[in-house]
């Protein structure tokens, strides 16, 4: 579309959307409300907002829904105009990154701080992508536009082109840590990884536009990590070779362990035994292919492509991440694959999570702790009883050992048909209270970095848990997380990913020890380590 010459006090607005039209249509009303909030905030200062593209009468929404569309839309945006990227839903960053890479004016990313749609998740993924490409940007978020934090941030951006956030909670890992059993362990494990090397299997790369989740070999290889590039078509082919009886044995094991499933008969809207059987076949196939290639961790993309062939990978992912799980033998029946051990799975082929899961697995195993680890979406959060409690939630890859009673607390719910047309079960549950180490590996300034800190999973009343699940995705597993020494806004401003990695430790002292060993291992590998919040290293 064409625009008149741009007045001095005009900002342009774009909205990156999903590749799945069902999601774009469903999320559009939430996006309209966010854009209303942003437009009103700028109007208070005498600025107007111009949408770079109109609502498409055929689709009924105004999201940029492909990379090609994004390139064409940005041709209508003056290079030096202030530009807002407003995100109320999950978005595919590569839809807008080409235009943002060459834009010369100040860039602001903004999201609504609500849980019903994953706009915050989309915002953090986009921010991480901009950080990876070295593109300056400012960022802000709000519940309803009325808070001083948001209003002051908008004023700052309009007046100066930047927003400065508080990062006083971050410090670099000291280079002169005293020798302790934990630091020595981290050094030893890093030396072993550099010497022996590790392979992460990637079932197709670049899931859902997550440019931030792709780490080039030139950055991975120096830390001892190499990629095995695999195709999801090979996974699908291997699934065809698994017979029904072997798949059904997986289901019987899970039921005997106490896991339950919410079953129905309508394939379009309910979870069925047929969907579960295909998930069990995927579980067996993923282990056998991983054995073929000698993998140390594996990631299944699923979205897009595989979602049109098979039920969701999430049940598979959670099982792989758990030490106790249904046994799968090698093709000749001579070996149980990864017997009594997780095969770390990095959801959505997020390679930052892959590196983190690999390091966590080795540190936790060496310390004798349960090495089950998972990523979560940084979905949302609110204060409860005087402290901010995050909703960490992911579509299903949480290991059952993260629940108070393991499989007995795990329920298989059908994935929503907006995003998962072929269905399939999640591993639904509420994460147990306990002490965590959280972290995130990301790319900045051309190198690998990791932010790492301490947190606790807290127990909330059942009605509050239900409210939070209903406000987000009730079919997905949830963790109620309180970060130690990091506020909501400090975390949002700093975090360079849509995902965060967590692992439990037996108690607070053990978590501090594990964090020290993990931070030391990363540093020895050459990753820049940043301690966030109240962290004890010795």
Protein backbone atom coordinates (compact mmCIF):
# COMPACT_ATOMS: atom_id res chain seq x y z
CA UNK A 1 0.00 0.00 0.00
CA UNK A 2 1.13 3.60 -0.46
CA UNK A 3 1.35 6.28 2.22
CA UNK A 4 1.48 10.05 2.16
CA UNK A 5 4.68 11.79 3.10
CA UNK A 6 5.45 11.10 6.75
CA UNK A 7 4.89 13.95 9.22
CA UNK A 8 7.56 14.53 11.82
CA UNK A 9 5.56 13.05 14.70
CA UNK A 10 4.51 9.75 13.16
CA UNK A 11 5.51 6.22 14.07
CA UNK A 12 4.81 3.21 11.89
CA UNK A 13 3.55 -0.09 13.29
CA UNK A 14 3.93 -3.67 12.11
CA UNK A 15 2.75 -6.92 13.67
CA UNK A 16 4.50 -10.20 12.95
CA UNK A 17 2.09 -13.11 13.09
CA UNK A 18 1.90 -16.86 12.91
CA UNK A 19 2.32 -18.95 9.79
CA UNK A 20 -0.85 -20.81 10.77
CA UNK A 21 -3.89 -18.81 9.65
CA UNK A 22 -6.09 -20.43 12.28
CA UNK A 23 -3.88 -18.88 14.97
CA UNK A 24 -3.78 -15.48 13.28
CA UNK A 25 -7.55 -15.29 12.99
CA UNK A 26 -8.13 -16.45 16.57
CA UNK A 27 -5.55 -14.06 18.04
CA UNK A 28 -6.51 -10.97 16.06
CA UNK A 29 -8.94 -9.45 18.62
CA UNK A 30 -6.18 -9.51 21.26
CA UNK A 31 -3.82 -7.82 18.80
CA UNK A 32 -6.40 -5.11 18.07
CA UNK A 33 -6.58 -4.28 21.78
CA UNK A 34 -2.79 -4.05 22.07
CA UNK A 35 -2.62 -1.73 19.09
CA UNK A 36 -5.33 0.43 20.65
CA UNK A 37 -3.23 0.72 23.83
CA UNK A 38 -0.10 1.62 21.86
CA UNK A 39 -1.92 4.16 19.68
CA UNK A 40 -3.45 5.84 22.74
CA UNK A 41 -0.08 5.99 24.51
CA UNK A 42 1.53 7.77 21.58
CA UNK A 43 -1.45 10.09 21.10
CA UNK A 44 -0.92 11.42 24.63
CA UNK A 45 2.35 12.89 23.33
CA UNK A 46 0.93 14.22 20.07
CA UNK A 47 2.14 11.29 17.95
CA UNK A 48 0.10 9.27 15.52
CA UNK A 49 0.53 5.63 14.59
CA UNK A 50 0.34 4.44 10.98
CA UNK A 51 -0.12 0.74 10.28
CA UNK A 52 2.33 -0.36 7.60
CA UNK A 53 -0.30 -2.69 6.13
CA UNK A 54 -4.08 -2.68 6.27
CA UNK A 55 -6.24 -5.49 7.56
CA UNK A 56 -6.70 -8.01 4.76
CA UNK A 57 -10.42 -8.34 4.00
CA UNK A 58 -9.89 -11.94 2.90
CA UNK A 59 -8.21 -13.14 6.12
CA UNK A 60 -9.78 -10.62 8.51
CA UNK A 61 -6.48 -9.80 10.23
CA UNK A 62 -3.51 -7.48 9.81
CA UNK A 63 -0.64 -9.77 10.78
CA UNK A 64 2.39 -10.16 8.56
CA UNK A 65 2.09 -13.88 7.92
CA UNK A 66 5.09 -14.78 5.76
CA UNK A 67 8.64 -13.65 5.10
CA UNK A 68 7.75 -12.57 1.56
CA UNK A 69 4.82 -10.54 2.84
CA UNK A 70 7.12 -8.90 5.41
CA UNK A 71 9.64 -7.88 2.76
CA UNK A 72 6.88 -6.34 0.65
CA UNK A 73 5.27 -4.51 3.58
CA UNK A 74 8.59 -2.99 4.64
CA UNK A 75 8.99 -1.49 1.18
CA UNK A 76 6.22 0.93 2.19
CA UNK A 77 7.93 1.94 5.46
CA UNK A 78 10.28 4.95 5.31
CA UNK A 79 13.76 3.79 6.34
CA UNK A 80 14.28 6.35 9.09
CA UNK A 81 10.82 6.51 10.67
CA UNK A 82 10.31 5.38 14.29
CA UNK A 83 8.99 1.82 14.03
CA UNK A 84 6.92 -0.21 16.50
CA UNK A 85 6.63 -3.99 16.37
CA UNK A 86 3.53 -4.84 18.43
CA UNK A 87 3.13 -8.48 19.48
CA UNK A 88 0.07 -9.92 21.20
CA UNK A 89 0.46 -13.49 19.89
CA UNK A 90 3.16 -15.97 19.05
CA UNK A 91 5.00 -14.67 16.01
CA UNK A 92 7.46 -16.00 13.44
CA UNK A 93 10.40 -13.62 13.75
CA UNK A 94 11.67 -14.23 10.23
CA UNK A 95 8.51 -12.62 8.88
CA UNK A 96 9.89 -9.22 9.90
CA UNK A 97 13.63 -9.67 10.48
CA UNK A 98 14.61 -8.81 6.88
CA UNK A 99 12.84 -5.47 7.16
CA UNK A 100 14.11 -4.81 10.67
CA UNK A 101 17.70 -5.63 9.69
CA UNK A 102 17.80 -2.79 7.18
CA UNK A 103 15.59 -0.31 9.01
CA UNK A 104 17.49 2.82 10.07
CA UNK A 105 15.06 4.49 12.48
CA UNK A 106 14.55 3.64 16.15
CA UNK A 107 12.79 0.30 16.75
CA UNK A 108 10.45 -0.46 19.64
CA UNK A 109 9.11 -3.93 20.41
CA UNK A 110 6.03 -4.02 22.62
CA UNK A 111 3.73 -6.71 24.04
CA UNK A 112 0.72 -6.93 26.29
CA UNK A 113 1.54 -8.59 29.62
CA UNK A 114 -1.34 -11.07 29.62
CA UNK A 115 -1.55 -14.83 29.47
CA UNK A 116 -4.38 -15.74 27.11
CA UNK A 117 -2.18 -15.47 24.01
CA UNK A 118 1.63 -15.92 24.02
CA UNK A 119 2.51 -12.37 23.02
CA UNK A 120 5.20 -12.18 25.69
CA UNK A 121 6.74 -15.37 24.33
CA UNK A 122 6.72 -13.89 20.85
CA UNK A 123 8.24 -10.63 22.07
CA UNK A 124 11.13 -12.39 23.83
CA UNK A 125 11.85 -14.52 20.77
CA UNK A 126 11.90 -11.45 18.53
CA UNK A 127 14.11 -9.54 20.97
CA UNK A 128 16.55 -12.44 21.05
CA UNK A 129 16.66 -12.47 17.26
CA UNK A 130 17.41 -8.75 17.12
CA UNK A 131 20.13 -9.23 19.73
CA UNK A 132 21.64 -12.10 17.73
CA UNK A 133 21.78 -9.97 14.56
CA UNK A 134 23.24 -7.03 16.49
CA UNK A 135 20.34 -4.72 15.70
CA UNK A 136 19.64 -1.98 18.30
CA UNK A 137 16.10 -1.89 19.65
CA UNK A 138 14.09 -0.85 22.68
CA UNK A 139 11.43 -2.94 24.34
CA UNK A 140 8.44 -2.43 26.66
CA UNK A 141 5.33 -4.28 27.89
CA UNK A 142 2.12 -3.50 29.75
CA UNK A 143 -1.01 -5.13 31.11
CA UNK A 144 -3.42 -2.41 30.01
CA UNK A 145 -1.37 0.70 29.22
CA UNK A 146 -2.12 2.50 32.49
CA UNK A 147 1.09 1.74 34.44
CA UNK A 148 3.82 4.35 34.88
CA UNK A 149 6.49 1.88 33.76
CA UNK A 150 4.90 1.63 30.32
CA UNK A 151 3.98 5.30 30.03
CA UNK A 152 7.45 6.46 31.08
CA UNK A 153 9.03 3.99 28.65
CA UNK A 154 6.95 5.26 25.75
CA UNK A 155 7.85 8.86 26.62
CA UNK A 156 11.55 8.00 26.73
CA UNK A 157 11.43 6.25 23.37
CA UNK A 158 9.59 9.12 21.70
CA UNK A 159 11.97 11.71 23.13
CA UNK A 160 15.30 9.87 22.82
CA UNK A 161 14.73 6.82 20.63
CA UNK A 162 15.74 4.51 23.47
CA UNK A 163 14.44 2.97 26.71
CA UNK A 164 16.93 2.15 29.46
CA UNK A 165 16.05 -0.74 31.77
CA UNK A 166 17.49 -1.66 35.16
CA UNK A 167 20.12 -4.41 34.82
CA UNK A 168 21.63 -4.05 38.29
CA UNK A 169 20.76 -7.68 39.00
CA UNK A 170 23.39 -8.94 36.53
CA UNK A 171 27.10 -9.49 37.13
CA UNK A 172 29.71 -11.50 35.29
CA UNK A 173 31.02 -14.72 36.78
CA UNK A 174 34.23 -13.89 38.66
CA UNK A 175 37.37 -15.18 37.00
CA UNK A 176 39.08 -15.89 40.32
CA UNK A 177 36.69 -18.35 41.94
CA UNK A 178 38.46 -20.42 44.61
CA UNK A 179 39.06 -24.08 43.92
CA UNK A 180 36.19 -26.12 45.35
CA UNK A 181 34.81 -29.56 44.49
CA UNK A 182 32.15 -27.81 42.39
CA UNK A 183 34.51 -25.61 40.38
CA UNK A 184 36.85 -28.55 39.86
CA UNK A 185 33.95 -30.67 38.66
CA UNK A 186 32.91 -27.98 36.18
CA UNK A 187 36.47 -27.77 34.86
CA UNK A 188 36.72 -31.53 34.49
CA UNK A 189 33.39 -31.91 32.73
CA UNK A 190 34.25 -29.10 30.31
CA UNK A 191 37.63 -30.65 29.51
CA UNK A 192 35.94 -34.00 28.88
CA UNK A 193 33.37 -32.44 26.54
CA UNK A 194 36.06 -30.60 24.60
CA UNK A 195 38.07 -33.79 24.28
CA UNK A 196 35.33 -36.34 23.59
CA UNK A 197 32.86 -34.02 21.82
CA UNK A 198 29.07 -34.39 21.72
CA UNK A 199 26.46 -34.59 18.99
CA UNK A 200 23.04 -32.97 19.08
CA UNK A 201 20.51 -34.36 16.62
CA UNK A 202 18.40 -31.74 14.88
CA UNK A 203 15.23 -33.02 13.21
CA UNK A 204 14.95 -30.03 10.84
CA UNK A 205 16.14 -26.59 11.87
CA UNK A 206 14.51 -23.22 12.31
CA UNK A 207 11.26 -24.14 14.01
CA UNK A 208 8.47 -21.54 13.94
CA UNK A 209 10.66 -18.67 12.82
CA UNK A 210 12.99 -18.94 15.84
CA UNK A 211 16.08 -17.37 14.29
CA UNK A 212 17.36 -16.91 17.85
CA UNK A 213 17.29 -20.71 18.38
CA UNK A 214 19.76 -21.49 15.57
CA UNK A 215 23.41 -21.57 16.63
CA UNK A 216 25.97 -21.75 13.84
CA UNK A 217 28.53 -24.53 13.83
CA UNK A 218 31.29 -21.96 14.17
CA UNK A 219 29.98 -21.14 17.64
CA UNK A 220 29.00 -24.68 18.65
CA UNK A 221 32.07 -26.59 17.54
CA UNK A 222 34.57 -24.67 19.72
CA UNK A 223 32.62 -25.77 22.82
CA UNK A 224 32.75 -29.41 21.74
CA UNK A 225 29.22 -29.64 20.32
CA UNK A 226 28.44 -30.80 16.79
CA UNK A 227 25.17 -31.14 14.89
CA UNK A 228 23.72 -34.20 13.23
CA UNK A 229 21.26 -32.76 10.74
CA UNK A 230 18.30 -35.08 10.44
CA UNK A 231 15.04 -34.91 8.53
CA UNK A 232 11.62 -35.28 10.07
CA UNK A 233 10.71 -37.36 7.04
CA UNK A 234 13.20 -39.94 8.32
CA UNK A 235 11.47 -39.88 11.70
CA UNK A 236 8.09 -40.38 10.02
CA UNK A 237 9.50 -43.27 7.95
CA UNK A 238 10.94 -44.92 11.06
CA UNK A 239 7.56 -44.58 12.79
CA UNK A 240 6.03 -46.72 10.03
CA UNK A 241 8.43 -49.53 10.91
CA UNK A 242 7.31 -49.76 14.55
CA UNK A 243 4.64 -52.42 14.93
CA UNK A 244 1.46 -51.82 16.87
CA UNK A 245 2.25 -54.32 19.62
CA UNK A 246 5.53 -52.61 20.46
CA UNK A 247 3.84 -49.21 20.51
CA UNK A 248 1.00 -50.47 22.67
CA UNK A 249 3.52 -51.80 25.19
CA UNK A 250 4.66 -48.20 25.76
CA UNK A 251 1.08 -47.22 26.59
CA UNK A 252 0.65 -50.14 28.97
CA UNK A 253 3.87 -49.16 30.77
CA UNK A 254 2.65 -45.59 31.22
CA UNK A 255 -0.73 -46.68 32.53
CA UNK A 256 0.93 -49.10 34.95
CA UNK A 257 3.14 -46.23 36.16
CA UNK A 258 0.00 -44.24 36.98
CA UNK A 259 -0.36 -41.89 34.02
CA UNK A 260 -3.93 -41.18 32.91
CA UNK A 261 -5.36 -39.88 29.64
CA UNK A 262 -8.46 -37.82 28.84
CA UNK A 263 -9.77 -39.87 25.94
CA UNK A 264 -12.58 -39.37 23.46
CA UNK A 265 -13.55 -40.53 20.00
CA UNK A 266 -13.59 -37.36 17.86
CA UNK A 267 -10.20 -37.18 16.15
CA UNK A 268 -10.69 -33.48 15.34
CA UNK A 269 -11.21 -32.28 18.91
CA UNK A 270 -10.48 -35.12 21.35
CA UNK A 271 -7.54 -37.31 22.32
CA UNK A 272 -7.87 -40.83 20.93
CA UNK A 273 -6.08 -44.15 21.33
CA UNK A 274 -5.04 -43.90 17.70
CA UNK A 275 -3.25 -40.60 18.35
CA UNK A 276 -1.50 -42.09 21.36
CA UNK A 277 -0.33 -45.11 19.37
CA UNK A 278 1.37 -42.83 16.86
CA UNK A 279 3.02 -40.91 19.67
CA UNK A 280 4.36 -44.15 21.12
CA UNK A 281 5.74 -45.04 17.70
CA UNK A 282 7.43 -41.65 17.51
CA UNK A 283 9.00 -42.23 20.93
CA UNK A 284 10.46 -45.56 19.82
CA UNK A 285 11.57 -44.19 16.45
CA UNK A 286 13.30 -41.16 18.02
CA UNK A 287 15.30 -43.38 20.36
CA UNK A 288 16.37 -45.77 17.60
CA UNK A 289 17.45 -43.03 15.22
CA UNK A 290 19.31 -41.33 18.09
CA UNK A 291 21.05 -44.64 18.74
CA UNK A 292 21.94 -44.97 15.06
CA UNK A 293 23.78 -41.66 15.12
CA UNK A 294 25.18 -41.84 18.67
CA UNK A 295 23.41 -38.68 19.78
CA UNK A 296 23.87 -36.96 23.13
CA UNK A 297 20.66 -34.92 22.81
CA UNK A 298 17.91 -34.64 20.24
CA UNK A 299 15.36 -32.07 19.09
CA UNK A 300 12.16 -32.58 17.08
CA UNK A 301 10.82 -29.55 15.24
CA UNK A 302 7.24 -30.81 14.73
CA UNK A 303 5.88 -27.35 13.77
CA UNK A 304 5.66 -27.05 10.78
CA UNK A 305 5.44 -30.09 8.52
CA UNK A 306 5.20 -32.99 10.92
CA UNK A 307 2.07 -31.48 12.47
CA UNK A 308 0.26 -32.29 9.23
CA UNK A 309 1.30 -35.95 9.38
CA UNK A 310 1.39 -37.05 12.99
CA UNK A 311 0.12 -36.26 16.48
CA UNK A 312 2.20 -33.95 18.67
CA UNK A 313 5.75 -34.73 19.71
CA UNK A 314 5.27 -33.37 23.25
CA UNK A 315 4.45 -36.65 25.00
CA UNK A 316 7.55 -38.12 23.36
CA UNK A 317 9.72 -35.21 24.48
CA UNK A 318 8.68 -35.41 28.12
CA UNK A 319 9.35 -39.15 28.22
CA UNK A 320 12.80 -38.71 26.68
CA UNK A 321 13.66 -36.11 29.32
CA UNK A 322 12.80 -38.49 32.17
CA UNK A 323 15.16 -41.08 33.64
CA UNK A 324 12.30 -43.47 34.40
CA UNK A 325 10.40 -44.21 31.19
CA UNK A 326 9.14 -47.04 29.01
CA UNK A 327 12.06 -49.25 27.90
CA UNK A 328 12.92 -49.32 24.20
CA UNK A 329 15.36 -51.84 22.79
CA UNK A 330 17.70 -51.57 19.87
CA UNK A 331 16.37 -53.04 16.63
CA UNK A 332 18.03 -56.39 17.31
CA UNK A 333 16.61 -56.47 20.83
CA UNK A 334 20.04 -56.78 22.44
CA UNK A 335 20.14 -53.46 24.34
CA UNK A 336 17.81 -51.15 26.21
CA UNK A 337 18.49 -47.69 24.81
CA UNK A 338 19.61 -45.13 27.41
CA UNK A 339 18.54 -47.53 30.13
CA UNK A 340 17.63 -45.58 33.26
CA UNK A 341 18.83 -42.30 31.74
CA UNK A 342 17.20 -39.38 29.96
CA UNK A 343 18.04 -38.67 26.37
CA UNK A 344 17.80 -34.88 26.66
CA UNK A 345 15.28 -33.46 24.23
CA UNK A 346 15.29 -29.79 23.26
CA UNK A 347 11.76 -28.76 22.38
CA UNK A 348 11.22 -27.01 19.04
CA UNK A 349 14.87 -27.69 18.10
CA UNK A 350 15.97 -24.74 20.22
CA UNK A 351 19.73 -25.15 20.07
CA UNK A 352 20.34 -22.80 22.99
CA UNK A 353 18.23 -25.19 25.05
CA UNK A 354 20.18 -28.10 23.54
CA UNK A 355 23.52 -26.81 24.79
CA UNK A 356 22.00 -26.03 28.18
CA UNK A 357 20.33 -29.43 28.51
CA UNK A 358 23.56 -31.19 27.56
CA UNK A 359 25.59 -29.30 30.18
CA UNK A 360 22.87 -29.73 32.81
CA UNK A 361 22.65 -33.46 32.16
CA UNK A 362 26.37 -33.91 32.73
CA UNK A 363 26.62 -31.73 35.81
CA UNK A 364 23.51 -33.09 37.51
CA UNK A 365 24.48 -36.69 36.73
CA UNK A 366 27.97 -36.17 38.14
CA UNK A 367 26.48 -34.69 41.32
CA UNK A 368 24.07 -37.61 41.69
CA UNK A 369 20.97 -35.44 41.16
CA UNK A 370 18.00 -36.28 38.96
CA UNK A 371 19.16 -34.93 35.58
CA UNK A 372 15.64 -34.42 34.20
CA UNK A 373 15.52 -30.96 32.65
CA UNK A 374 13.18 -29.06 30.39
CA UNK A 375 12.70 -25.73 28.75
CA UNK A 376 9.57 -23.67 29.38
CA UNK A 377 7.96 -20.78 27.59
CA UNK A 378 8.21 -17.59 29.64
CA UNK A 379 4.47 -17.29 29.36
CA UNK A 380 3.17 -14.75 31.89
CA UNK A 381 2.89 -14.06 35.62
CA UNK A 382 1.21 -12.05 38.36
CA UNK A 383 1.77 -11.21 41.98
CA UNK A 384 0.44 -13.66 44.53
CA UNK A 385 0.58 -13.04 48.27
CA UNK A 386 3.11 -10.24 47.85
CA UNK A 387 5.58 -11.83 45.44
CA UNK A 388 5.70 -12.12 41.67
CA UNK A 389 5.03 -15.68 40.55
CA UNK A 390 5.81 -16.53 36.94
CA UNK A 391 3.81 -18.92 34.82
CA UNK A 392 6.37 -21.13 33.12
CA UNK A 393 4.51 -23.34 30.68
CA UNK A 394 5.43 -25.46 27.69
CA UNK A 395 3.30 -27.56 25.40
CA UNK A 396 4.21 -30.85 27.01
CA UNK A 397 7.91 -31.72 27.13
CA UNK A 398 8.12 -31.53 30.93
CA UNK A 399 9.50 -34.77 32.45
CA UNK A 400 7.11 -36.49 34.88
CA UNK A 401 9.74 -36.43 37.65
CA UNK A 402 9.06 -32.68 37.86
CA UNK A 403 5.63 -33.51 39.32
CA UNK A 404 5.19 -34.36 43.03
CA UNK A 405 4.20 -37.98 42.40
CA UNK A 406 5.78 -38.52 39.02
CA UNK A 407 3.60 -40.35 36.49
CA UNK A 408 0.74 -40.55 39.00
CA UNK A 409 0.38 -36.77 38.62
CA UNK A 410 0.75 -36.82 34.82
CA UNK A 411 -2.36 -36.49 32.67
CA UNK A 412 -2.47 -36.72 28.89
CA UNK A 413 -4.69 -33.97 27.48
CA UNK A 414 -5.27 -33.37 23.79
CA UNK A 415 -3.32 -30.58 22.20
CA UNK A 416 -5.49 -27.70 21.00
CA UNK A 417 -6.69 -28.06 17.42
CA UNK A 418 -5.78 -24.47 16.50
CA UNK A 419 -2.08 -25.30 16.64
CA UNK A 420 -2.21 -29.13 16.58
CA UNK A 421 -4.69 -30.39 13.97
CA UNK A 422 -3.56 -34.03 14.40
CA UNK A 423 -3.94 -33.90 18.18
CA UNK A 424 -1.80 -35.97 20.50
CA UNK A 425 -1.34 -35.91 24.26
CA UNK A 426 0.58 -33.49 26.41
CA UNK A 427 2.14 -34.49 29.71
CA UNK A 428 -0.05 -32.22 31.81
CA UNK A 429 0.65 -31.52 35.46
CA UNK A 430 1.75 -29.01 38.07
CA UNK A 431 5.46 -28.87 38.88
CA UNK A 432 6.41 -29.74 42.45
CA UNK A 433 7.68 -27.16 44.95
CA UNK A 434 11.45 -27.09 45.09
CA UNK A 435 14.71 -25.36 44.32
CA UNK A 436 15.75 -24.62 40.74
CA UNK A 437 18.68 -23.47 38.69
CA UNK A 438 17.41 -21.54 35.67
CA UNK A 439 19.46 -20.49 32.68
CA UNK A 440 19.49 -19.51 29.05
CA UNK A 441 22.18 -19.84 26.37
CA UNK A 442 21.96 -17.18 23.66
CA UNK A 443 23.97 -15.32 21.03
CA UNK A 444 25.05 -11.70 21.51
CA UNK A 445 27.95 -9.69 20.06
CA UNK A 446 28.86 -12.64 17.86
CA UNK A 447 29.49 -15.05 20.74
CA UNK A 448 27.78 -17.48 23.09
CA UNK A 449 26.49 -16.22 26.43
CA UNK A 450 24.54 -17.77 29.27
CA UNK A 451 22.42 -16.05 31.90
CA UNK A 452 22.03 -18.19 35.01
CA UNK A 453 20.28 -17.79 38.33
CA UNK A 454 18.34 -19.38 41.15
CA UNK A 455 14.62 -19.78 41.58
CA UNK A 456 12.01 -21.72 43.51
CA UNK A 457 8.89 -23.47 42.34
CA UNK A 458 6.17 -22.61 44.84
CA UNK A 459 2.87 -24.26 45.59
CA UNK A 460 -0.24 -22.17 45.00
CA UNK A 461 -3.78 -22.97 46.11
CA UNK A 462 -5.61 -25.25 43.73
CA UNK A 463 -8.04 -22.53 42.68
CA UNK A 464 -5.19 -20.14 41.82
CA UNK A 465 -3.41 -22.84 39.82
CA UNK A 466 -6.64 -23.53 37.96
CA UNK A 467 -7.14 -19.81 37.27
CA UNK A 468 -3.65 -19.46 35.85
CA UNK A 469 -3.99 -22.56 33.69
CA UNK A 470 -7.37 -21.46 32.37
CA UNK A 471 -5.90 -18.01 31.61
CA UNK A 472 -3.23 -19.64 29.42
CA UNK A 473 -3.35 -23.24 28.11
CA UNK A 474 -4.97 -25.63 30.60
CA UNK A 475 -3.73 -28.66 28.65
CA UNK A 476 -0.08 -27.74 29.21
CA UNK A 477 2.13 -28.45 32.25
CA UNK A 478 2.79 -25.45 34.47
CA UNK A 479 5.45 -24.35 36.96
CA UNK A 480 4.84 -21.56 39.49
CA UNK A 481 8.28 -19.92 39.57
CA UNK A 482 9.68 -17.23 41.84
CA UNK A 483 13.03 -15.88 40.67
CA UNK A 484 15.56 -15.03 43.36
CA UNK A 485 16.54 -11.37 43.26
CA UNK A 486 15.14 -10.61 39.80
CA UNK A 487 12.01 -8.52 39.29
CA UNK A 488 9.47 -9.04 36.53
CA UNK A 489 10.71 -6.11 34.50
CA UNK A 490 14.40 -6.87 35.04
CA UNK A 491 13.85 -10.37 33.70
CA UNK A 492 11.78 -9.24 30.71
CA UNK A 493 14.28 -6.56 29.71
CA UNK A 494 17.27 -8.87 29.98
CA UNK A 495 16.07 -12.28 28.78
CA UNK A 496 17.19 -13.18 25.27
CA UNK A 497 14.86 -16.05 24.41
CA UNK A 498 11.27 -17.16 24.38
CA UNK A 499 12.42 -20.19 26.41
CA UNK A 500 14.08 -20.68 29.79
CA UNK A 501 15.77 -23.91 30.98
CA UNK A 502 15.15 -25.28 34.46
CA UNK A 503 16.45 -28.17 36.56
CA UNK A 504 15.64 -29.16 40.14
CA UNK A 505 18.14 -29.73 42.93
CA UNK A 506 17.45 -31.60 46.20
CA UNK A 507 17.61 -28.41 48.32
CA UNK A 508 18.87 -24.83 48.28
CA UNK A 509 22.47 -25.65 49.17
CA UNK A 510 22.55 -28.36 46.51
CA UNK A 511 21.15 -25.91 43.94
CA UNK A 512 23.93 -23.43 44.77
CA UNK A 513 26.51 -26.17 44.31
CA UNK A 514 25.01 -27.26 41.00
CA UNK A 515 24.89 -23.67 39.75
CA UNK A 516 28.56 -23.18 40.63
CA UNK A 517 29.59 -26.34 38.78
CA UNK A 518 27.41 -25.48 35.78
CA UNK A 519 28.65 -21.87 35.57
CA UNK A 520 32.24 -23.07 35.84
CA UNK A 521 31.72 -25.64 33.08
CA UNK A 522 30.26 -23.01 30.77
CA UNK A 523 33.10 -20.58 31.50
CA UNK A 524 35.73 -23.27 30.86
CA UNK A 525 34.03 -23.99 27.51
CA UNK A 526 34.44 -20.33 26.58
CA UNK A 527 30.84 -19.23 27.07
CA UNK A 528 30.42 -15.79 28.71
CA UNK A 529 28.62 -16.41 32.01
CA UNK A 530 26.33 -13.81 33.60
CA UNK A 531 24.98 -14.35 37.12
CA UNK A 532 21.46 -12.98 37.55
CA UNK A 533 19.89 -12.05 40.87
CA UNK A 534 20.71 -13.61 44.23
CA UNK A 535 23.32 -16.19 43.32
CA UNK A 536 25.83 -17.82 45.64
CA UNK A 537 29.01 -19.13 43.98
CA UNK A 538 32.09 -20.15 45.89
